[in-house]
Amino acid sequence: MTPPLRLTLATMATITGLLLGNPTAATPFELSEASISSVHIALQTREISCRSLVDQYLYRIHAFDQSTRLNALVTVNPDATHDADRLDANFKHSGKLKPLHCVPVIVKDNYETRGLQTTGGSLALKGWLPETDATMVARLRTAGAVILAKSNMAEWAFSPYLTESSIAGITRNPYNLEHVPAGSSGGTAAAIAANFGLVGLGTDTGNSIRGPSSHNALVGLRPTLGLTSRHGIVPLFVHNDIGGPMTRSVTDAATVLNVIAGYDPADPLTARSGGHIPADYRRFLTRNGLVGVRIGVFRRYVDSETGDSEIRVLTERAITDLRAAGAEIVDPFGINNFEALTKNLWCGDFESDLNQYLAARPNAPVHSLSDIYRSGLYLPHNESELKQALGPPAIDERRAPCSDVWNDTPKIAFRDVLTTAMTAAHVDVIIYPTWSNSPRRVGDNDSPPGDNSQILSPQTGWPAITVPMGYTHTTLPAGLTFFGPAYSEGLLLRYAYAYEQATHHRKPPDGFGLAKRTGP
């Protein structure tokens, strides 16, 4: 299923210039693995224009997304070049760059984007054009970002294991196209890993920022629940859902977090973030940020019986690298009564959450989960999950209704025991492999998945960040998670940055070319 890529005549002209080797249409700026900082420097020195940058990303998408079968994107923003022209005019007039000036963003298709199709991965919402932006998208636009494209996702965010939707089909892993990028934010992850955009937005109910980031050698941050707004995001389980950045570097993740974090009156839970947000998350980034930090190794996830031995080797090497960077390692770190405490933590009601969401959007083509089920517009393998969500609560293993993570009794009990364990061991942060197994092959639904992300962060409301820790089976990425207390994003960014700078594991996937920008 080919995403509708709309290229303007001017964009086609610059692409033609590139293909014909026109010396005025290509200059030395290297797009691959570019960062927010490198783009801003190039804009300030007039090496590039915003328009030429956006044109080049559109070229990469046109050249690689479908021809490789990556299939990361659902639709490209037809107004992206016009937005770039406006930013160029603004910069010419003011001489100042906004915080995310001309940062091309890939947005997961469950974020509302004004005037741009939003589907949640479902054919049932095909053609729906929201009237407003999700709060996080609006904040990106205000900060100068360009919404470049919407990414494919697991339909309704159901699957943490693969990214497949009825609207766009299967997304593959750019590091090996025979493997999956995990789910459900796999489209964003694959696109950013393949350098189709500068940074991306994902959502995470139990895994879906960190798993795809791990599978695609990215940095992925699940923030504290309430740090970023959920308003305008198609829900899975509202009380666990959260949005956050997916980037190629810790610095870019911190830069995006600066913009998207904070109070939103449309999402009352964000009121809890007051007094917890620093002026600039980038101030935490220091190369010696691990010196003296006490790190607990959560052996339960390291030594999984069904885990990949190559993941274990990478994790042990990561522990050695952390120690060499000055950290004090507490190994093992355990949580008393973990099995009993985590047995009944999941809480949510997809039908109720989605119906409330749709009721507030009368221009949507469907108005309830029942409408969607009756339409038949969904992947066949999702029929049982939809039917189960429509059944009485007893059919679903998840408790419902439930209060938010901060007021749910089982979650409070688990969080209290975890806090006590960290205090007793004088542990600042906990680490573990984000997944204990390497990315599955496309079509493999039976091998052990290895997802370690569903419990600690989602069920406590605390933040977690994954950062690349190397590759298994030659090319398949793996990630290391840093997990800490509520509103410890600054410290997690510090630890992840110090580890990233000490190891430099991130590298681009083969087969997606090195593209130079178009002329200014």
Protein backbone atom coordinates (compact mmCIF):
# COMPACT_ATOMS: atom_id res chain seq x y z
CA MET A 1 0.00 0.00 0.00
CA THR A 2 1.79 3.12 -1.19
CA PRO A 3 1.50 6.23 0.99
CA PRO A 4 0.18 9.23 -0.91
CA LEU A 5 3.38 11.21 -1.45
CA ARG A 6 2.55 14.57 -2.96
CA LEU A 7 5.55 16.42 -4.41
CA THR A 8 5.33 20.04 -5.57
CA LEU A 9 6.76 21.11 -8.93
CA ALA A 10 9.56 22.92 -7.10
CA THR A 11 10.38 19.80 -5.11
CA MET A 12 10.41 17.71 -8.27
CA ALA A 13 12.74 20.26 -9.84
CA THR A 14 15.25 19.98 -7.02
CA ILE A 15 15.01 16.18 -7.11
CA THR A 16 15.62 16.24 -10.85
CA GLY A 17 18.64 18.45 -10.26
CA LEU A 18 20.01 15.91 -7.80
CA LEU A 19 19.48 13.00 -10.13
CA LEU A 20 21.10 14.84 -13.06
CA GLY A 21 24.03 15.96 -10.94
CA ASN A 22 23.23 19.68 -11.17
CA PRO A 23 26.01 21.36 -9.14
CA THR A 24 23.65 24.14 -8.03
CA ALA A 25 21.22 21.60 -6.59
CA ALA A 26 23.59 19.80 -4.23
CA THR A 27 25.99 21.09 -1.60
CA PRO A 28 28.15 19.44 1.08
CA PHE A 29 25.62 19.29 3.94
CA GLU A 30 25.09 15.63 4.81
CA LEU A 31 21.55 14.72 5.73
CA SER A 32 22.20 11.21 7.06
CA GLU A 33 22.37 11.16 10.89
CA ALA A 34 21.83 14.93 11.00
CA SER A 35 20.89 16.41 14.38
CA ILE A 36 18.83 19.41 15.44
CA SER A 37 22.07 21.21 16.26
CA SER A 38 23.74 20.44 12.93
CA VAL A 39 20.67 21.61 11.01
CA HIS A 40 20.45 24.82 13.02
CA ILE A 41 24.12 25.57 12.43
CA ALA A 42 23.63 25.02 8.71
CA LEU A 43 20.59 27.30 8.68
CA GLN A 44 22.43 30.04 10.60
CA THR A 45 25.41 29.94 8.24
CA ARG A 46 23.05 29.92 5.23
CA GLU A 47 24.50 26.62 4.04
CA ILE A 48 20.93 25.38 3.68
CA SER A 49 17.42 26.77 3.67
CA CYS A 50 14.49 25.17 5.43
CA ARG A 51 12.89 24.53 2.06
CA SER A 52 15.93 22.70 0.72
CA LEU A 53 16.11 20.58 3.86
CA VAL A 54 12.45 19.59 3.62
CA ASP A 55 12.82 18.91 -0.11
CA GLN A 56 15.68 16.54 0.59
CA TYR A 57 13.74 14.60 3.21
CA LEU A 58 10.86 14.31 0.77
CA TYR A 59 13.34 12.98 -1.78
CA ARG A 60 14.59 10.33 0.64
CA ILE A 61 11.04 9.25 1.43
CA HIS A 62 10.15 9.10 -2.27
CA ALA A 63 13.34 7.20 -3.10
CA PHE A 64 13.45 4.66 -0.29
CA ASP A 65 10.24 4.06 1.66
CA GLN A 66 8.34 1.95 -0.86
CA SER A 67 11.17 0.74 -3.09
CA THR A 68 12.82 -1.00 -0.15
CA ARG A 69 9.50 -2.33 1.25
CA LEU A 70 10.22 -0.49 4.49
CA ASN A 71 6.71 1.00 4.39
CA ALA A 72 7.24 3.26 7.39
CA LEU A 73 4.85 6.03 6.40
CA VAL A 74 1.12 6.35 5.79
CA THR A 75 0.94 9.85 4.35
CA VAL A 76 3.20 12.82 3.68
CA ASN A 77 2.12 16.33 4.61
CA PRO A 78 1.31 18.16 1.34
CA ASP A 79 1.86 21.49 3.13
CA ALA A 80 5.37 20.64 4.37
CA THR A 81 7.12 22.71 1.71
CA HIS A 82 4.80 25.67 2.30
CA ASP A 83 5.52 25.44 6.03
CA ALA A 84 9.23 25.43 5.21
CA ASP A 85 8.86 28.53 3.04
CA ARG A 86 7.11 30.35 5.90
CA LEU A 87 9.91 29.41 8.29
CA ASP A 88 12.50 30.68 5.82
CA ALA A 89 10.64 33.98 5.56
CA ASN A 90 10.39 34.19 9.34
CA PHE A 91 14.11 33.60 9.77
CA LYS A 92 14.99 36.11 7.06
CA HIS A 93 12.89 38.73 8.83
CA SER A 94 13.85 38.01 12.44
CA GLY A 95 17.31 36.50 12.16
CA LYS A 96 16.33 34.13 14.96
CA LEU A 97 15.68 30.41 15.02
CA LYS A 98 12.86 28.94 17.07
CA PRO A 99 13.71 26.02 19.40
CA LEU A 100 12.73 23.44 16.76
CA HIS A 101 13.04 25.71 13.74
CA CYS A 102 12.69 23.62 10.58
CA VAL A 103 12.96 20.31 12.41
CA PRO A 104 11.17 17.76 10.17
CA VAL A 105 9.11 15.53 12.46
CA ILE A 106 7.61 12.10 11.79
CA VAL A 107 4.38 11.80 13.79
CA LYS A 108 2.71 8.51 14.68
CA ASP A 109 -0.70 8.18 13.07
CA ASN A 110 -2.60 8.24 16.36
CA TYR A 111 -1.75 11.91 16.99
CA GLU A 112 -4.33 14.33 15.65
CA THR A 113 -2.86 16.57 12.97
CA ARG A 114 -4.99 19.49 11.79
CA GLY A 115 -6.10 18.96 8.19
CA LEU A 116 -3.92 15.86 7.78
CA GLN A 117 -5.35 12.35 7.87
CA THR A 118 -5.29 10.65 11.28
CA THR A 119 -6.36 7.00 11.47
CA GLY A 120 -4.91 5.15 14.45
CA GLY A 121 -3.87 2.57 11.86
CA SER A 122 -7.48 1.75 10.99
CA LEU A 123 -9.34 1.82 7.68
CA ALA A 124 -12.37 2.78 9.75
CA LEU A 125 -10.86 6.28 10.13
CA LYS A 126 -9.55 6.57 6.57
CA GLY A 127 -9.86 10.13 5.29
CA TRP A 128 -10.57 11.66 8.70
CA LEU A 129 -9.13 15.17 8.96
CA PRO A 130 -9.07 16.42 12.57
CA GLU A 131 -10.03 20.04 13.10
CA THR A 132 -7.21 20.68 15.57
CA ASP A 133 -3.76 19.38 16.45
CA ALA A 134 -3.01 17.15 19.40
CA THR A 135 -1.47 19.31 22.12
CA MET A 136 2.01 17.88 21.59
CA VAL A 137 1.78 18.44 17.82
CA ALA A 138 0.60 22.02 18.36
CA ARG A 139 3.57 22.67 20.63
CA LEU A 140 5.95 21.29 18.00
CA ARG A 141 4.48 23.59 15.35
CA THR A 142 4.71 26.62 17.67
CA ALA A 143 8.37 25.78 18.28
CA GLY A 144 9.01 25.85 14.52
CA ALA A 145 8.88 22.16 13.65
CA VAL A 146 7.64 20.93 10.28
CA ILE A 147 5.18 18.04 10.44
CA LEU A 148 6.68 16.05 7.58
CA ALA A 149 4.72 12.80 7.56
CA LYS A 150 2.47 10.45 9.52
CA SER A 151 3.92 7.03 10.31
CA ASN A 152 2.42 3.58 10.19
CA MET A 153 1.53 1.90 13.48
CA ALA A 154 0.07 -1.29 14.86
CA GLU A 155 -3.67 -0.95 14.30
CA TRP A 156 -5.23 0.73 17.35
CA ALA A 157 -1.78 0.31 19.00
CA PHE A 158 -2.73 -3.27 19.88
CA SER A 159 0.57 -5.03 19.22
CA PRO A 160 3.92 -4.44 20.92
CA TYR A 161 5.48 -7.06 18.66
CA LEU A 162 4.90 -5.86 15.11
CA THR A 163 3.71 -2.80 13.25
CA GLU A 164 0.87 -3.74 10.91
CA SER A 165 -2.25 -1.76 10.13
CA SER A 166 -5.30 -2.13 7.92
CA ILE A 167 -4.58 1.35 6.56
CA ALA A 168 -1.02 0.70 5.33
CA GLY A 169 0.10 -2.89 5.87
CA ILE A 170 3.37 -4.09 7.41
CA THR A 171 6.35 -1.93 8.36
CA ARG A 172 9.75 -3.62 8.29
CA ASN A 173 12.99 -3.07 10.16
CA PRO A 174 15.53 -1.00 8.15
CA TYR A 175 18.44 -2.93 9.69
CA ASN A 176 17.11 -6.15 8.18
CA LEU A 177 13.97 -5.96 6.10
CA GLU A 178 13.07 -9.54 6.92
CA HIS A 179 12.56 -8.53 10.56
CA VAL A 180 10.03 -6.40 12.44
CA PRO A 181 10.57 -2.97 14.03
CA ALA A 182 8.44 -3.99 17.08
CA GLY A 183 5.15 -2.18 17.73
CA SER A 184 3.17 -0.12 17.89
CA SER A 185 5.29 2.95 17.04
CA GLY A 186 7.34 0.94 14.57
CA GLY A 187 6.65 3.29 11.67
CA THR A 188 8.12 6.26 13.51
CA ALA A 189 11.10 4.17 14.61
CA ALA A 190 11.82 2.79 11.14
CA ALA A 191 11.49 6.23 9.55
CA ILE A 192 13.83 7.97 11.99
CA ALA A 193 16.34 5.11 11.88
CA ALA A 194 16.37 5.33 8.07
CA ASN A 195 16.78 9.13 8.19
CA PHE A 196 13.38 10.00 6.70
CA GLY A 197 12.96 12.73 9.32
CA LEU A 198 15.01 14.44 11.99
CA VAL A 199 13.01 13.34 15.06
CA GLY A 200 9.78 11.48 15.74
CA LEU A 201 6.84 11.17 18.09
CA GLY A 202 5.62 7.85 19.43
CA THR A 203 3.14 6.74 22.04
CA ASP A 204 3.66 4.16 24.76
CA THR A 205 1.00 2.22 26.62
CA GLY A 206 3.25 -0.63 27.73
CA ASN A 207 6.17 -0.70 25.32
CA SER A 208 5.55 1.22 22.15
CA ILE A 209 8.15 3.98 22.35
CA ARG A 210 10.92 1.96 23.94
CA GLY A 211 10.49 -1.35 22.08
CA PRO A 212 10.60 0.12 18.56
CA SER A 213 13.45 2.43 19.60
CA SER A 214 15.44 -0.55 20.86
CA HIS A 215 14.76 -2.51 17.66
CA ASN A 216 15.91 0.43 15.51
CA ALA A 217 19.01 1.72 17.38
CA LEU A 218 17.22 4.83 18.62
CA VAL A 219 16.80 6.75 21.83
CA GLY A 220 13.22 6.47 23.05
CA LEU A 221 11.81 8.16 26.15
CA ARG A 222 8.60 7.21 27.93
CA PRO A 223 8.02 10.20 30.24
CA THR A 224 6.46 10.25 33.67
CA LEU A 225 2.69 9.94 33.33
CA GLY A 226 1.43 13.51 33.34
CA LEU A 227 4.62 15.13 32.04
CA THR A 228 3.26 15.31 28.47
CA SER A 229 -0.33 15.78 27.36
CA ARG A 230 -2.49 12.95 26.07
CA HIS A 231 -5.01 15.33 24.54
CA GLY A 232 -5.60 14.58 20.87
CA ILE A 233 -4.06 11.11 20.92
CA VAL A 234 -6.26 8.18 19.89
CA PRO A 235 -6.37 6.11 23.10
CA LEU A 236 -5.60 2.49 23.86
CA PHE A 237 -5.78 2.60 27.66
CA VAL A 238 -5.90 6.25 28.73
CA HIS A 239 -4.51 5.59 32.19
CA ASN A 240 -1.33 4.06 30.73
CA ASP A 241 -0.99 6.04 27.49
CA ILE A 242 1.79 8.60 27.14
CA GLY A 243 3.56 10.30 24.23
CA GLY A 244 7.25 11.05 23.89
CA PRO A 245 10.25 11.53 21.60
CA MET A 246 12.00 8.95 19.42
CA THR A 247 15.34 10.25 18.17
CA ARG A 248 18.81 9.26 17.00
CA SER A 249 20.53 10.94 19.95
CA VAL A 250 19.94 11.74 23.60
CA THR A 251 20.56 15.43 22.91
CA ASP A 252 17.74 15.56 20.37
CA ALA A 253 15.43 13.72 22.79
CA ALA A 254 16.15 16.35 25.46
CA THR A 255 15.56 19.16 22.96
CA VAL A 256 12.17 17.77 21.93
CA LEU A 257 11.18 17.12 25.55
CA ASN A 258 11.81 20.79 26.31
CA VAL A 259 9.00 21.64 23.91
CA ILE A 260 6.40 18.94 24.58
CA ALA A 261 6.53 18.71 28.40
CA GLY A 262 4.23 20.74 30.59
CA TYR A 263 0.74 21.56 31.79
CA ASP A 264 -2.20 21.30 29.42
CA PRO A 265 -5.66 22.27 30.73
CA ALA A 266 -7.15 19.73 28.30
CA ASP A 267 -5.36 16.94 30.21
CA PRO A 268 -5.81 17.40 33.98
CA LEU A 269 -3.14 14.79 34.80
CA THR A 270 -0.49 17.21 33.52
CA ALA A 271 -1.17 19.49 36.49
CA ARG A 272 1.00 17.09 38.50
CA SER A 273 4.04 18.17 36.47
CA GLY A 274 4.09 21.63 38.05
CA GLY A 275 7.45 22.33 39.69
CA HIS A 276 9.01 19.21 38.15
CA ILE A 277 10.11 20.56 34.77
CA PRO A 278 13.53 22.21 34.46
CA ALA A 279 14.11 25.24 32.27
CA ASP A 280 16.19 23.13 29.89
CA TYR A 281 16.65 19.36 29.96
CA ARG A 282 19.85 19.77 27.99
CA ARG A 283 21.62 21.15 31.06
CA PHE A 284 21.73 17.60 32.41
CA LEU A 285 23.82 16.35 29.51
CA THR A 286 27.40 15.82 30.61
CA ARG A 287 29.95 13.22 29.57
CA ASN A 288 30.87 12.41 33.19
CA GLY A 289 27.21 12.03 34.18
CA LEU A 290 27.70 8.46 35.43
CA VAL A 291 30.44 9.17 37.97
CA GLY A 292 29.30 8.04 41.41
CA VAL A 293 25.85 6.97 40.23
CA ARG A 294 24.59 3.76 41.86
CA ILE A 295 23.00 1.54 39.22
CA GLY A 296 20.87 -1.48 40.05
CA VAL A 297 20.99 -4.35 37.55
CA PHE A 298 17.54 -5.95 37.32
CA ARG A 299 18.74 -9.51 36.80
CA ARG A 300 15.24 -10.88 36.27
CA TYR A 301 15.30 -9.29 32.80
CA VAL A 302 18.99 -9.86 32.08
CA ASP A 303 18.97 -13.61 32.73
CA SER A 304 15.66 -14.49 31.09
CA GLU A 305 15.52 -18.23 30.35
CA THR A 306 14.04 -17.57 26.91
CA GLY A 307 16.29 -14.61 26.15
CA ASP A 308 18.81 -14.33 23.33
CA SER A 309 22.35 -15.12 24.50
CA GLU A 310 23.67 -12.28 22.34
CA ILE A 311 21.46 -9.79 24.23
CA ARG A 312 22.92 -11.09 27.50
CA VAL A 313 26.45 -10.58 26.15
CA LEU A 314 25.63 -7.01 25.12
CA THR A 315 24.08 -6.30 28.52
CA GLU A 316 27.13 -7.59 30.39
CA ARG A 317 29.32 -5.43 28.17
CA ALA A 318 27.08 -2.46 28.92
CA ILE A 319 27.51 -3.07 32.65
CA THR A 320 31.28 -3.09 32.15
CA ASP A 321 31.06 0.15 30.17
CA LEU A 322 28.94 1.80 32.86
CA ARG A 323 31.44 0.81 35.53
CA ALA A 324 34.30 2.15 33.40
CA ALA A 325 32.40 5.45 33.11
CA GLY A 326 32.40 5.81 36.90
CA ALA A 327 29.15 4.17 37.95
CA GLU A 328 28.83 1.96 41.03
CA ILE A 329 27.07 -1.26 40.05
CA VAL A 330 24.61 -2.96 42.41
CA ASP A 331 24.22 -6.43 40.97
CA PRO A 332 21.81 -8.05 41.40
CA PHE A 333 19.01 -5.65 42.26
CA GLY A 334 15.72 -7.33 43.16
CA ILE A 335 12.15 -6.42 44.10
CA ASN A 336 10.51 -8.42 46.88
CA ASN A 337 7.34 -10.33 45.92
CA PHE A 338 7.66 -9.17 42.32
CA GLU A 339 5.42 -11.90 40.90
CA ALA A 340 2.61 -11.34 43.39
CA LEU A 341 2.75 -7.56 43.20
CA THR A 342 2.67 -7.45 39.40
CA LYS A 343 0.00 -10.10 38.85
CA ASN A 344 -2.98 -7.73 38.67
CA LEU A 345 -1.55 -4.37 37.62
CA TRP A 346 -3.06 -3.89 34.17
CA CYS A 347 -6.09 -1.67 34.26
CA GLY A 348 -8.06 -0.24 31.36
CA ASP A 349 -11.15 -0.28 29.18
CA PHE A 350 -10.40 0.25 25.48
CA GLU A 351 -14.09 0.45 24.51
CA SER A 352 -14.91 3.11 27.08
CA ASP A 353 -11.79 5.15 26.36
CA LEU A 354 -12.24 5.04 22.58
CA ASN A 355 -15.97 5.76 22.74
CA GLN A 356 -15.34 8.85 24.90
CA TYR A 357 -12.67 9.99 22.48
CA LEU A 358 -14.91 9.56 19.41
CA ALA A 359 -17.90 11.18 21.13
CA ALA A 360 -15.89 14.40 21.39
CA ARG A 361 -15.14 14.30 17.64
CA PRO A 362 -18.45 14.33 15.77
CA ASN A 363 -16.73 14.73 12.39
CA ALA A 364 -15.05 11.31 12.73
CA PRO A 365 -16.40 8.68 10.28
CA VAL A 366 -17.21 6.24 13.13
CA HIS A 367 -18.58 6.99 16.58
CA SER A 368 -18.00 3.88 18.68
CA LEU A 369 -16.08 0.66 18.90
CA SER A 370 -19.27 -1.14 17.93
CA ASP A 371 -19.36 0.88 14.69
CA ILE A 372 -15.80 -0.19 13.97
CA TYR A 373 -16.48 -3.85 14.69
CA ARG A 374 -19.57 -3.88 12.48
CA SER A 375 -17.70 -2.16 9.65
CA GLY A 376 -15.22 -5.01 9.28
CA LEU A 377 -12.54 -2.44 8.53
CA TYR A 378 -9.72 -3.97 10.53
CA LEU A 379 -7.02 -6.60 10.26
CA PRO A 380 -8.48 -10.13 10.51
CA HIS A 381 -6.17 -11.05 13.38
CA ASN A 382 -7.51 -8.09 15.40
CA GLU A 383 -11.11 -9.30 15.29
CA SER A 384 -10.80 -11.33 18.50
CA GLU A 385 -9.28 -8.39 20.40
CA LEU A 386 -12.04 -6.05 19.24
CA LYS A 387 -14.69 -8.60 20.15
CA GLN A 388 -13.10 -9.12 23.55
CA ALA A 389 -13.06 -5.37 24.19
CA LEU A 390 -16.79 -5.27 23.42
CA GLY A 391 -17.55 -8.08 25.85
CA PRO A 392 -18.33 -7.84 29.58
CA PRO A 393 -15.39 -6.92 31.85
CA ALA A 394 -15.04 -10.50 33.06
CA ILE A 395 -13.88 -11.55 29.59
CA ASP A 396 -10.96 -9.12 29.73
CA GLU A 397 -8.13 -9.89 32.14
CA ARG A 398 -7.61 -6.18 32.71
CA ARG A 399 -9.43 -4.50 35.57
CA ALA A 400 -12.00 -1.88 34.58
CA PRO A 401 -12.99 0.74 35.37
CA CYS A 402 -9.91 2.03 37.14
CA SER A 403 -8.41 5.21 38.51
CA ASP A 404 -5.24 6.76 37.17
CA VAL A 405 -1.82 5.27 37.90
CA TRP A 406 -1.22 7.58 40.86
CA ASN A 407 -4.41 6.52 42.67
CA ASP A 408 -4.77 2.85 41.72
CA THR A 409 -4.30 0.67 44.83
CA PRO A 410 -2.29 -2.22 43.27
CA LYS A 411 -0.02 0.25 41.48
CA ILE A 412 0.55 2.21 44.68
CA ALA A 413 1.52 -1.01 46.50
CA PHE A 414 3.98 -1.98 43.76
CA ARG A 415 5.46 1.51 43.62
CA ASP A 416 5.93 1.60 47.38
CA VAL A 417 7.79 -1.73 47.43
CA LEU A 418 9.98 -0.61 44.53
CA THR A 419 10.77 2.67 46.27
CA THR A 420 11.68 0.82 49.46
CA ALA A 421 13.97 -1.56 47.55
CA MET A 422 15.77 1.30 45.79
CA THR A 423 16.19 3.22 49.03
CA ALA A 424 17.53 0.18 50.90
CA ALA A 425 20.08 -0.53 48.16
CA HIS A 426 20.92 3.17 47.72
CA VAL A 427 20.16 2.77 44.03
CA ASP A 428 19.69 5.87 41.84
CA VAL A 429 18.56 4.12 38.68
CA ILE A 430 17.73 0.62 37.43
CA ILE A 431 18.97 -0.88 34.15
CA TYR A 432 17.97 -3.87 32.03
CA PRO A 433 17.84 -4.84 28.35
CA THR A 434 14.83 -3.19 26.76
CA TRP A 435 14.06 -6.51 25.06
CA SER A 436 15.66 -9.85 25.95
CA ASN A 437 15.32 -11.09 22.36
CA SER A 438 16.36 -9.66 19.03
CA PRO A 439 13.71 -8.51 16.51
CA ARG A 440 11.52 -11.33 15.24
CA ARG A 441 11.29 -12.21 11.58
CA VAL A 442 8.24 -10.85 9.77
CA GLY A 443 5.54 -13.51 10.10
CA ASP A 444 7.04 -15.13 13.20
CA ASN A 445 4.39 -14.98 15.91
CA ASP A 446 5.66 -17.87 18.02
CA SER A 447 9.27 -17.31 19.09
CA PRO A 448 9.82 -15.71 22.52
CA PRO A 449 9.26 -11.96 22.13
CA GLY A 450 11.46 -10.76 25.00
CA ASP A 451 9.53 -7.56 25.78
CA ASN A 452 10.73 -6.23 29.16
CA SER A 453 8.87 -2.91 28.99
CA GLN A 454 5.32 -3.70 30.14
CA ILE A 455 5.69 -3.57 33.92
CA LEU A 456 8.21 -1.30 35.60
CA SER A 457 7.57 2.00 33.85
CA PRO A 458 3.90 1.76 32.75
CA GLN A 459 2.63 0.33 36.01
CA THR A 460 4.44 2.80 38.27
CA GLY A 461 4.00 5.88 36.09
CA TRP A 462 7.75 6.43 36.29
CA PRO A 463 9.91 7.33 33.28
CA ALA A 464 12.25 5.11 31.30
CA ILE A 465 14.65 5.76 28.44
CA THR A 466 16.24 3.27 26.06
CA VAL A 467 19.55 3.92 24.30
CA PRO A 468 21.41 1.75 21.75
CA MET A 469 23.75 -0.84 23.32
CA GLY A 470 24.91 -2.70 20.21
CA TYR A 471 23.79 -5.26 17.65
CA THR A 472 22.91 -8.95 17.65
CA HIS A 473 23.26 -11.37 14.77
CA THR A 474 25.47 -8.84 12.98
CA THR A 475 22.86 -6.18 12.20
CA LEU A 476 19.88 -6.32 14.58
CA PRO A 477 19.87 -3.52 17.19
CA ALA A 478 19.40 -3.89 20.93
CA GLY A 479 18.73 -1.27 23.59
CA LEU A 480 19.57 -0.66 27.25
CA THR A 481 16.88 0.84 29.49
CA PHE A 482 17.50 3.32 32.32
CA PHE A 483 14.48 3.45 34.66
CA GLY A 484 14.02 5.83 37.58
CA PRO A 485 11.56 7.61 39.90
CA ALA A 486 8.83 10.02 38.87
CA TYR A 487 10.03 13.18 37.14
CA SER A 488 13.64 11.96 36.99
CA GLU A 489 13.79 12.60 33.23
CA GLY A 490 16.70 14.99 33.63
CA LEU A 491 18.78 12.40 35.46
CA LEU A 492 17.82 9.61 33.06
CA LEU A 493 18.89 11.82 30.16
CA ARG A 494 22.18 12.48 31.98
CA TYR A 495 22.92 8.78 32.48
CA ALA A 496 21.83 7.83 28.96
CA TYR A 497 23.90 10.64 27.45
CA ALA A 498 27.05 9.66 29.35
CA TYR A 499 26.58 6.04 28.26
CA GLU A 500 25.87 7.07 24.66
CA GLN A 501 28.97 9.25 24.51
CA ALA A 502 31.14 6.53 26.02
CA THR A 503 30.00 3.86 23.56
CA HIS A 504 28.63 5.45 20.36
CA HIS A 505 26.65 2.36 19.33
CA ARG A 506 24.22 4.16 17.03
CA LYS A 507 24.91 3.71 13.31
CA PRO A 508 22.58 4.09 10.31
CA PRO A 509 21.19 1.02 8.56
CA ASP A 510 22.71 -0.10 5.28
CA GLY A 511 20.76 0.18 2.07
CA PHE A 512 19.19 3.59 2.56
CA GLY A 513 21.84 5.73 0.91
CA LEU A 514 23.62 8.86 2.00
CA ALA A 515 21.70 11.81 0.69
CA LYS A 516 22.99 15.33 0.25
CA ARG A 517 20.69 18.28 0.60
CA THR A 518 19.26 20.36 -2.21
CA GLY A 519 20.53 23.87 -2.89
CA PRO A 520 19.66 26.77 -0.55
